[in-house]
Amino acid sequence: MQELHGYYLEDLEVGMEAFYAKTITDADVILFAGISGDDNPVHINAEYAKTTPFKERIVHGMFSAALISCVLGTRLPGPGAIYVDQQIKFKAPVHIGDTVVASAKVVEINVERRRVKLETVCRVGDTVVAEGVATNMVDRRPA
């Protein structure tokens, strides 16, 4: 199953970066509400959302976090890595129809502990909507 494995610890270097982009649809928000159980009306009820400071429905903040998980689990470090920690700050709302670009950039490698720290950012255009730091446990290359 080597073809399903992402980067090994020895393949990683500080500065490596990967991305994933997704245009958020109404269906994405409704499905995410169902999967997560978070049916806060600011996400699913247009009339309610008009009464909030956002004036329209907004996408779940954790949807952006899920896009970060996509980058980490499928691109960098990729399949085989274990997502062990995430610190995240939500900086701006995401709206239905926005294209969110999630990125992860290697900022630190601890070879002894097999831990890789990555700067994680989600943007809509030039606006940072979420940012933080993730830690992944990464396999060493098999002998």
N, C-alpha and C. Protein backbone atom coordinates (compact mmCIF):
# COMPACT_ATOMS: atom_id res chain seq x y z
N MET A 1 0.81 -1.18 0.00
CA MET A 1 0.00 0.00 0.00
C MET A 1 0.86 1.26 0.00
N GLN A 2 2.09 1.16 -0.42
CA GLN A 2 2.99 2.31 -0.49
C GLN A 2 2.37 3.47 -1.26
N GLU A 3 1.59 3.17 -2.30
CA GLU A 3 1.01 4.23 -3.13
C GLU A 3 0.01 5.09 -2.37
N LEU A 4 -0.46 4.61 -1.23
CA LEU A 4 -1.40 5.38 -0.42
C LEU A 4 -0.71 6.23 0.63
N HIS A 5 0.59 6.12 0.76
CA HIS A 5 1.32 6.84 1.80
C HIS A 5 1.76 8.21 1.30
N GLY A 6 1.71 9.19 2.20
CA GLY A 6 2.18 10.53 1.88
C GLY A 6 3.67 10.65 2.13
N TYR A 7 4.09 11.82 2.53
CA TYR A 7 5.50 12.07 2.81
C TYR A 7 5.93 11.32 4.06
N TYR A 8 7.17 10.83 4.02
CA TYR A 8 7.80 10.29 5.22
C TYR A 8 8.57 11.43 5.88
N LEU A 9 8.89 11.25 7.16
CA LEU A 9 9.60 12.27 7.93
C LEU A 9 10.86 12.74 7.21
N GLU A 10 11.58 11.79 6.63
CA GLU A 10 12.85 12.11 5.97
C GLU A 10 12.65 12.94 4.69
N ASP A 11 11.44 12.94 4.15
CA ASP A 11 11.16 13.68 2.91
C ASP A 11 10.76 15.13 3.16
N LEU A 12 10.47 15.45 4.40
CA LEU A 12 9.95 16.78 4.72
C LEU A 12 11.06 17.78 4.99
N GLU A 13 10.80 19.02 4.62
CA GLU A 13 11.73 20.13 4.87
C GLU A 13 10.93 21.33 5.31
N VAL A 14 11.51 22.12 6.21
CA VAL A 14 10.89 23.38 6.61
C VAL A 14 10.67 24.22 5.35
N GLY A 15 9.49 24.79 5.24
CA GLY A 15 9.15 25.63 4.09
C GLY A 15 8.25 24.95 3.08
N MET A 16 8.17 23.61 3.12
CA MET A 16 7.27 22.91 2.20
C MET A 16 5.85 23.36 2.48
N GLU A 17 5.03 23.47 1.41
CA GLU A 17 3.67 23.99 1.56
C GLU A 17 2.73 23.27 0.61
N ALA A 18 1.48 23.13 1.04
CA ALA A 18 0.45 22.52 0.20
C ALA A 18 -0.86 23.26 0.40
N PHE A 19 -1.76 23.11 -0.58
CA PHE A 19 -3.01 23.87 -0.61
C PHE A 19 -4.19 22.99 -1.01
N TYR A 20 -5.38 23.44 -0.63
CA TYR A 20 -6.63 22.86 -1.11
C TYR A 20 -7.64 24.00 -1.20
N ALA A 21 -8.36 24.08 -2.31
CA ALA A 21 -9.37 25.12 -2.50
C ALA A 21 -10.75 24.49 -2.66
N LYS A 22 -11.74 25.14 -2.05
CA LYS A 22 -13.12 24.66 -2.12
C LYS A 22 -14.07 25.85 -2.15
N THR A 23 -14.96 25.86 -3.14
CA THR A 23 -16.04 26.84 -3.16
C THR A 23 -17.20 26.26 -2.37
N ILE A 24 -17.63 26.98 -1.34
CA ILE A 24 -18.62 26.47 -0.40
C ILE A 24 -20.03 26.67 -0.97
N THR A 25 -20.80 25.60 -1.01
CA THR A 25 -22.17 25.65 -1.51
C THR A 25 -23.16 25.58 -0.35
N ASP A 26 -24.42 25.91 -0.64
CA ASP A 26 -25.48 25.77 0.34
C ASP A 26 -25.57 24.31 0.81
N ALA A 27 -25.46 23.38 -0.12
CA ALA A 27 -25.52 21.96 0.23
C ALA A 27 -24.39 21.57 1.18
N ASP A 28 -23.20 22.13 0.98
CA ASP A 28 -22.08 21.84 1.89
C ASP A 28 -22.44 22.25 3.32
N VAL A 29 -23.02 23.42 3.47
CA VAL A 29 -23.35 23.93 4.80
C VAL A 29 -24.44 23.07 5.45
N ILE A 30 -25.47 22.74 4.70
CA ILE A 30 -26.55 21.91 5.24
C ILE A 30 -26.02 20.52 5.61
N LEU A 31 -25.21 19.92 4.75
CA LEU A 31 -24.64 18.60 5.07
C LEU A 31 -23.72 18.67 6.28
N PHE A 32 -22.91 19.72 6.37
CA PHE A 32 -22.00 19.86 7.51
C PHE A 32 -22.81 20.01 8.80
N ALA A 33 -23.90 20.77 8.75
CA ALA A 33 -24.77 20.91 9.93
C ALA A 33 -25.31 19.55 10.35
N GLY A 34 -25.71 18.74 9.38
CA GLY A 34 -26.23 17.42 9.69
C GLY A 34 -25.19 16.49 10.25
N ILE A 35 -24.00 16.51 9.66
CA ILE A 35 -22.92 15.63 10.11
C ILE A 35 -22.43 16.03 11.49
N SER A 36 -22.25 17.33 11.71
CA SER A 36 -21.68 17.82 12.97
C SER A 36 -22.72 17.96 14.08
N GLY A 37 -24.00 18.09 13.69
CA GLY A 37 -25.03 18.37 14.68
C GLY A 37 -25.15 19.84 15.02
N ASP A 38 -24.28 20.67 14.44
CA ASP A 38 -24.31 22.12 14.69
C ASP A 38 -25.32 22.77 13.76
N ASP A 39 -26.57 22.88 14.23
CA ASP A 39 -27.60 23.49 13.41
C ASP A 39 -27.93 24.90 13.90
N ASN A 40 -26.91 25.60 14.39
CA ASN A 40 -27.06 27.00 14.78
C ASN A 40 -27.74 27.74 13.63
N PRO A 41 -28.82 28.49 13.91
CA PRO A 41 -29.56 29.13 12.83
C PRO A 41 -28.75 30.16 12.03
N VAL A 42 -27.65 30.65 12.57
CA VAL A 42 -26.82 31.57 11.78
C VAL A 42 -26.24 30.87 10.55
N HIS A 43 -26.19 29.53 10.59
CA HIS A 43 -25.67 28.76 9.47
C HIS A 43 -26.77 28.29 8.51
N ILE A 44 -27.99 28.06 9.03
CA ILE A 44 -28.99 27.39 8.18
C ILE A 44 -30.30 28.15 8.00
N ASN A 45 -30.49 29.27 8.71
CA ASN A 45 -31.75 29.99 8.63
C ASN A 45 -31.50 31.42 8.17
N ALA A 46 -31.84 31.71 6.92
CA ALA A 46 -31.57 33.03 6.33
C ALA A 46 -32.28 34.15 7.07
N GLU A 47 -33.51 33.92 7.50
CA GLU A 47 -34.26 34.97 8.21
C GLU A 47 -33.60 35.29 9.55
N TYR A 48 -33.21 34.26 10.27
CA TYR A 48 -32.51 34.48 11.54
C TYR A 48 -31.18 35.19 11.29
N ALA A 49 -30.44 34.73 10.31
CA ALA A 49 -29.11 35.29 10.03
C ALA A 49 -29.18 36.79 9.73
N LYS A 50 -30.29 37.26 9.16
CA LYS A 50 -30.45 38.70 8.88
C LYS A 50 -30.43 39.53 10.15
N THR A 51 -30.77 38.92 11.29
CA THR A 51 -30.82 39.65 12.56
C THR A 51 -29.47 39.68 13.27
N THR A 52 -28.47 39.02 12.71
CA THR A 52 -27.15 38.95 13.33
C THR A 52 -26.24 40.03 12.75
N PRO A 53 -25.10 40.27 13.37
CA PRO A 53 -24.15 41.24 12.82
C PRO A 53 -23.66 40.87 11.41
N PHE A 54 -23.79 39.60 11.02
CA PHE A 54 -23.32 39.16 9.70
C PHE A 54 -24.32 39.46 8.60
N LYS A 55 -25.61 39.62 8.96
CA LYS A 55 -26.69 39.98 8.03
C LYS A 55 -27.03 38.91 7.00
N GLU A 56 -26.32 37.82 7.02
CA GLU A 56 -26.60 36.69 6.14
C GLU A 56 -26.00 35.44 6.76
N ARG A 57 -26.40 34.28 6.23
CA ARG A 57 -25.87 33.02 6.74
C ARG A 57 -24.36 32.99 6.58
N ILE A 58 -23.71 32.37 7.55
CA ILE A 58 -22.26 32.17 7.46
C ILE A 58 -21.96 30.67 7.58
N VAL A 59 -20.82 30.31 7.06
CA VAL A 59 -20.36 28.92 7.07
C VAL A 59 -19.78 28.62 8.45
N HIS A 60 -19.97 27.40 8.92
CA HIS A 60 -19.39 26.96 10.19
C HIS A 60 -17.88 27.22 10.21
N GLY A 61 -17.37 27.75 11.32
CA GLY A 61 -15.92 27.92 11.44
C GLY A 61 -15.19 26.60 11.31
N MET A 62 -15.77 25.54 11.85
CA MET A 62 -15.11 24.24 11.79
C MET A 62 -15.06 23.68 10.37
N PHE A 63 -15.85 24.23 9.47
CA PHE A 63 -15.73 23.82 8.07
C PHE A 63 -14.34 24.21 7.56
N SER A 64 -13.89 25.42 7.91
CA SER A 64 -12.53 25.82 7.53
C SER A 64 -11.50 24.89 8.15
N ALA A 65 -11.72 24.52 9.43
CA ALA A 65 -10.80 23.59 10.08
C ALA A 65 -10.79 22.25 9.35
N ALA A 66 -11.94 21.82 8.84
CA ALA A 66 -12.01 20.56 8.09
C ALA A 66 -11.21 20.65 6.79
N LEU A 67 -11.17 21.84 6.19
CA LEU A 67 -10.37 22.01 4.97
C LEU A 67 -8.88 21.91 5.29
N ILE A 68 -8.49 22.39 6.47
CA ILE A 68 -7.10 22.21 6.91
C ILE A 68 -6.82 20.72 7.08
N SER A 69 -7.75 20.01 7.68
CA SER A 69 -7.59 18.57 7.83
C SER A 69 -7.41 17.89 6.48
N CYS A 70 -8.13 18.38 5.47
CA CYS A 70 -7.98 17.85 4.11
C CYS A 70 -6.55 18.01 3.61
N VAL A 71 -5.99 19.21 3.80
CA VAL A 71 -4.60 19.45 3.35
C VAL A 71 -3.65 18.50 4.07
N LEU A 72 -3.79 18.42 5.39
CA LEU A 72 -2.87 17.59 6.18
C LEU A 72 -3.01 16.11 5.87
N GLY A 73 -4.23 15.65 5.66
CA GLY A 73 -4.46 14.23 5.46
C GLY A 73 -4.28 13.74 4.04
N THR A 74 -4.32 14.66 3.07
CA THR A 74 -4.24 14.21 1.67
C THR A 74 -3.06 14.78 0.90
N ARG A 75 -2.43 15.83 1.43
CA ARG A 75 -1.38 16.48 0.66
C ARG A 75 -0.05 16.60 1.42
N LEU A 76 -0.07 17.21 2.60
CA LEU A 76 1.17 17.47 3.35
C LEU A 76 0.87 17.44 4.84
N PRO A 77 1.36 16.50 5.58
CA PRO A 77 2.22 15.39 5.21
C PRO A 77 1.53 14.31 4.38
N GLY A 78 0.20 14.25 4.42
CA GLY A 78 -0.52 13.31 3.58
C GLY A 78 -0.88 12.02 4.28
N PRO A 79 -1.38 11.04 3.51
CA PRO A 79 -1.82 9.77 4.08
C PRO A 79 -0.72 9.12 4.93
N GLY A 80 -1.14 8.60 6.07
CA GLY A 80 -0.21 7.97 7.01
C GLY A 80 0.13 8.88 8.18
N ALA A 81 0.02 10.19 8.00
CA ALA A 81 0.28 11.12 9.09
C ALA A 81 -0.91 11.13 10.05
N ILE A 82 -0.62 11.39 11.31
CA ILE A 82 -1.66 11.46 12.34
C ILE A 82 -1.73 12.90 12.84
N TYR A 83 -2.92 13.48 12.73
CA TYR A 83 -3.21 14.85 13.15
C TYR A 83 -3.37 14.83 14.66
N VAL A 84 -2.41 15.39 15.42
CA VAL A 84 -2.46 15.27 16.88
C VAL A 84 -2.84 16.55 17.60
N ASP A 85 -2.75 17.69 16.94
CA ASP A 85 -3.03 18.95 17.64
C ASP A 85 -3.35 20.04 16.62
N GLN A 86 -4.24 20.96 17.02
CA GLN A 86 -4.53 22.13 16.18
C GLN A 86 -4.88 23.30 17.08
N GLN A 87 -4.19 24.38 16.92
CA GLN A 87 -4.56 25.65 17.53
C GLN A 87 -5.09 26.48 16.38
N ILE A 88 -6.28 27.09 16.55
CA ILE A 88 -6.88 27.83 15.44
C ILE A 88 -7.62 29.05 15.96
N LYS A 89 -7.52 30.13 15.21
CA LYS A 89 -8.28 31.35 15.49
C LYS A 89 -9.10 31.67 14.25
N PHE A 90 -10.39 31.91 14.47
CA PHE A 90 -11.27 32.30 13.37
C PHE A 90 -11.26 33.82 13.30
N LYS A 91 -10.86 34.35 12.15
CA LYS A 91 -10.61 35.78 12.00
C LYS A 91 -11.70 36.55 11.26
N ALA A 92 -12.42 35.88 10.38
CA ALA A 92 -13.45 36.53 9.57
C ALA A 92 -14.45 35.48 9.12
N PRO A 93 -15.68 35.90 8.83
CA PRO A 93 -16.69 34.92 8.40
C PRO A 93 -16.45 34.45 6.97
N VAL A 94 -16.93 33.24 6.72
CA VAL A 94 -16.97 32.68 5.37
C VAL A 94 -18.44 32.63 4.97
N HIS A 95 -18.73 33.02 3.73
CA HIS A 95 -20.10 33.03 3.23
C HIS A 95 -20.29 31.95 2.16
N ILE A 96 -21.52 31.53 2.02
CA ILE A 96 -21.85 30.58 0.96
C ILE A 96 -21.48 31.22 -0.37
N GLY A 97 -20.79 30.45 -1.20
CA GLY A 97 -20.29 30.95 -2.48
C GLY A 97 -18.84 31.38 -2.45
N ASP A 98 -18.28 31.57 -1.24
CA ASP A 98 -16.85 31.92 -1.13
C ASP A 98 -15.99 30.72 -1.49
N THR A 99 -14.84 31.00 -2.06
CA THR A 99 -13.83 29.96 -2.27
C THR A 99 -12.79 30.10 -1.18
N VAL A 100 -12.67 29.06 -0.37
CA VAL A 100 -11.70 29.04 0.72
C VAL A 100 -10.48 28.28 0.24
N VAL A 101 -9.31 28.88 0.41
CA VAL A 101 -8.05 28.21 0.11
C VAL A 101 -7.36 27.91 1.44
N ALA A 102 -7.24 26.63 1.75
CA ALA A 102 -6.57 26.18 2.97
C ALA A 102 -5.13 25.84 2.62
N SER A 103 -4.21 26.23 3.50
CA SER A 103 -2.80 25.91 3.28
C SER A 103 -2.16 25.42 4.56
N ALA A 104 -1.12 24.63 4.38
CA ALA A 104 -0.30 24.14 5.48
C ALA A 104 1.16 24.26 5.06
N LYS A 105 1.97 24.86 5.93
CA LYS A 105 3.39 25.06 5.64
C LYS A 105 4.21 24.51 6.80
N VAL A 106 5.17 23.65 6.48
CA VAL A 106 6.05 23.07 7.50
C VAL A 106 6.90 24.17 8.11
N VAL A 107 6.82 24.29 9.45
CA VAL A 107 7.62 25.30 10.15
C VAL A 107 8.62 24.70 11.14
N GLU A 108 8.43 23.42 11.50
CA GLU A 108 9.34 22.78 12.45
C GLU A 108 9.24 21.28 12.31
N ILE A 109 10.39 20.61 12.38
CA ILE A 109 10.44 19.15 12.33
C ILE A 109 11.23 18.66 13.54
N ASN A 110 10.59 17.81 14.35
CA ASN A 110 11.25 17.19 15.49
C ASN A 110 11.44 15.71 15.14
N VAL A 111 12.63 15.38 14.66
CA VAL A 111 12.92 14.04 14.17
C VAL A 111 12.79 13.01 15.29
N GLU A 112 13.30 13.32 16.49
CA GLU A 112 13.27 12.36 17.59
C GLU A 112 11.84 11.95 17.95
N ARG A 113 10.92 12.91 17.99
CA ARG A 113 9.53 12.64 18.39
C ARG A 113 8.62 12.34 17.19
N ARG A 114 9.16 12.46 15.96
CA ARG A 114 8.38 12.26 14.73
C ARG A 114 7.22 13.25 14.65
N ARG A 115 7.45 14.47 15.11
CA ARG A 115 6.42 15.50 15.10
C ARG A 115 6.78 16.59 14.09
N VAL A 116 5.77 17.03 13.36
CA VAL A 116 5.95 18.10 12.37
C VAL A 116 4.92 19.18 12.69
N LYS A 117 5.40 20.40 12.88
CA LYS A 117 4.50 21.54 13.10
C LYS A 117 4.30 22.25 11.77
N LEU A 118 3.05 22.61 11.53
CA LEU A 118 2.70 23.29 10.29
C LEU A 118 1.88 24.54 10.59
N GLU A 119 2.21 25.62 9.93
CA GLU A 119 1.39 26.82 9.99
C GLU A 119 0.18 26.56 9.10
N THR A 120 -1.01 26.78 9.63
CA THR A 120 -2.23 26.52 8.87
C THR A 120 -3.00 27.82 8.68
N VAL A 121 -3.45 28.06 7.45
CA VAL A 121 -4.16 29.30 7.13
C VAL A 121 -5.27 28.98 6.14
N CYS A 122 -6.42 29.62 6.35
CA CYS A 122 -7.51 29.59 5.38
C CYS A 122 -7.76 31.02 4.93
N ARG A 123 -7.86 31.20 3.62
CA ARG A 123 -8.10 32.53 3.06
C ARG A 123 -9.28 32.51 2.11
N VAL A 124 -9.97 33.62 2.07
CA VAL A 124 -10.94 33.91 1.02
C VAL A 124 -10.39 35.15 0.33
N GLY A 125 -9.89 34.96 -0.88
CA GLY A 125 -9.17 36.05 -1.53
C GLY A 125 -7.95 36.40 -0.70
N ASP A 126 -7.79 37.69 -0.38
CA ASP A 126 -6.66 38.14 0.45
C ASP A 126 -6.98 38.14 1.94
N THR A 127 -8.21 37.79 2.30
CA THR A 127 -8.64 37.84 3.70
C THR A 127 -8.36 36.52 4.41
N VAL A 128 -7.63 36.59 5.50
CA VAL A 128 -7.40 35.42 6.34
C VAL A 128 -8.66 35.20 7.17
N VAL A 129 -9.27 34.02 7.01
CA VAL A 129 -10.49 33.71 7.76
C VAL A 129 -10.22 32.79 8.95
N ALA A 130 -9.12 32.06 8.90
CA ALA A 130 -8.71 31.20 10.01
C ALA A 130 -7.21 30.98 9.91
N GLU A 131 -6.56 30.92 11.08
CA GLU A 131 -5.12 30.65 11.09
C GLU A 131 -4.73 29.97 12.38
N GLY A 132 -3.64 29.25 12.32
CA GLY A 132 -3.17 28.56 13.51
C GLY A 132 -1.95 27.71 13.23
N VAL A 133 -1.76 26.73 14.11
CA VAL A 133 -0.62 25.81 14.01
C VAL A 133 -1.13 24.40 14.29
N ALA A 134 -0.72 23.46 13.47
CA ALA A 134 -1.09 22.06 13.64
C ALA A 134 0.17 21.24 13.90
N THR A 135 -0.01 20.14 14.62
CA THR A 135 1.07 19.18 14.82
C THR A 135 0.62 17.83 14.26
N ASN A 136 1.50 17.22 13.49
CA ASN A 136 1.24 15.88 12.95
C ASN A 136 2.36 14.94 13.37
N MET A 137 2.00 13.68 13.61
CA MET A 137 2.98 12.63 13.82
C MET A 137 3.18 11.96 12.46
N VAL A 138 4.43 11.83 12.05
CA VAL A 138 4.74 11.35 10.70
C VAL A 138 5.64 10.13 10.77
N ASP A 139 5.33 9.13 9.96
CA ASP A 139 6.13 7.90 9.88
C ASP A 139 7.54 8.16 9.35
N ARG A 140 8.47 7.36 9.88
CA ARG A 140 9.80 7.31 9.27
C ARG A 140 9.73 6.37 8.06
N ARG A 141 10.63 6.56 7.12
CA ARG A 141 10.70 5.70 5.95
C ARG A 141 11.03 4.27 6.40
N PRO A 142 10.29 3.27 5.88
CA PRO A 142 10.58 1.88 6.27
C PRO A 142 12.00 1.48 5.89
N ALA A 143 12.59 0.65 6.72
CA ALA A 143 13.96 0.19 6.45
C ALA A 143 14.02 -0.77 5.30
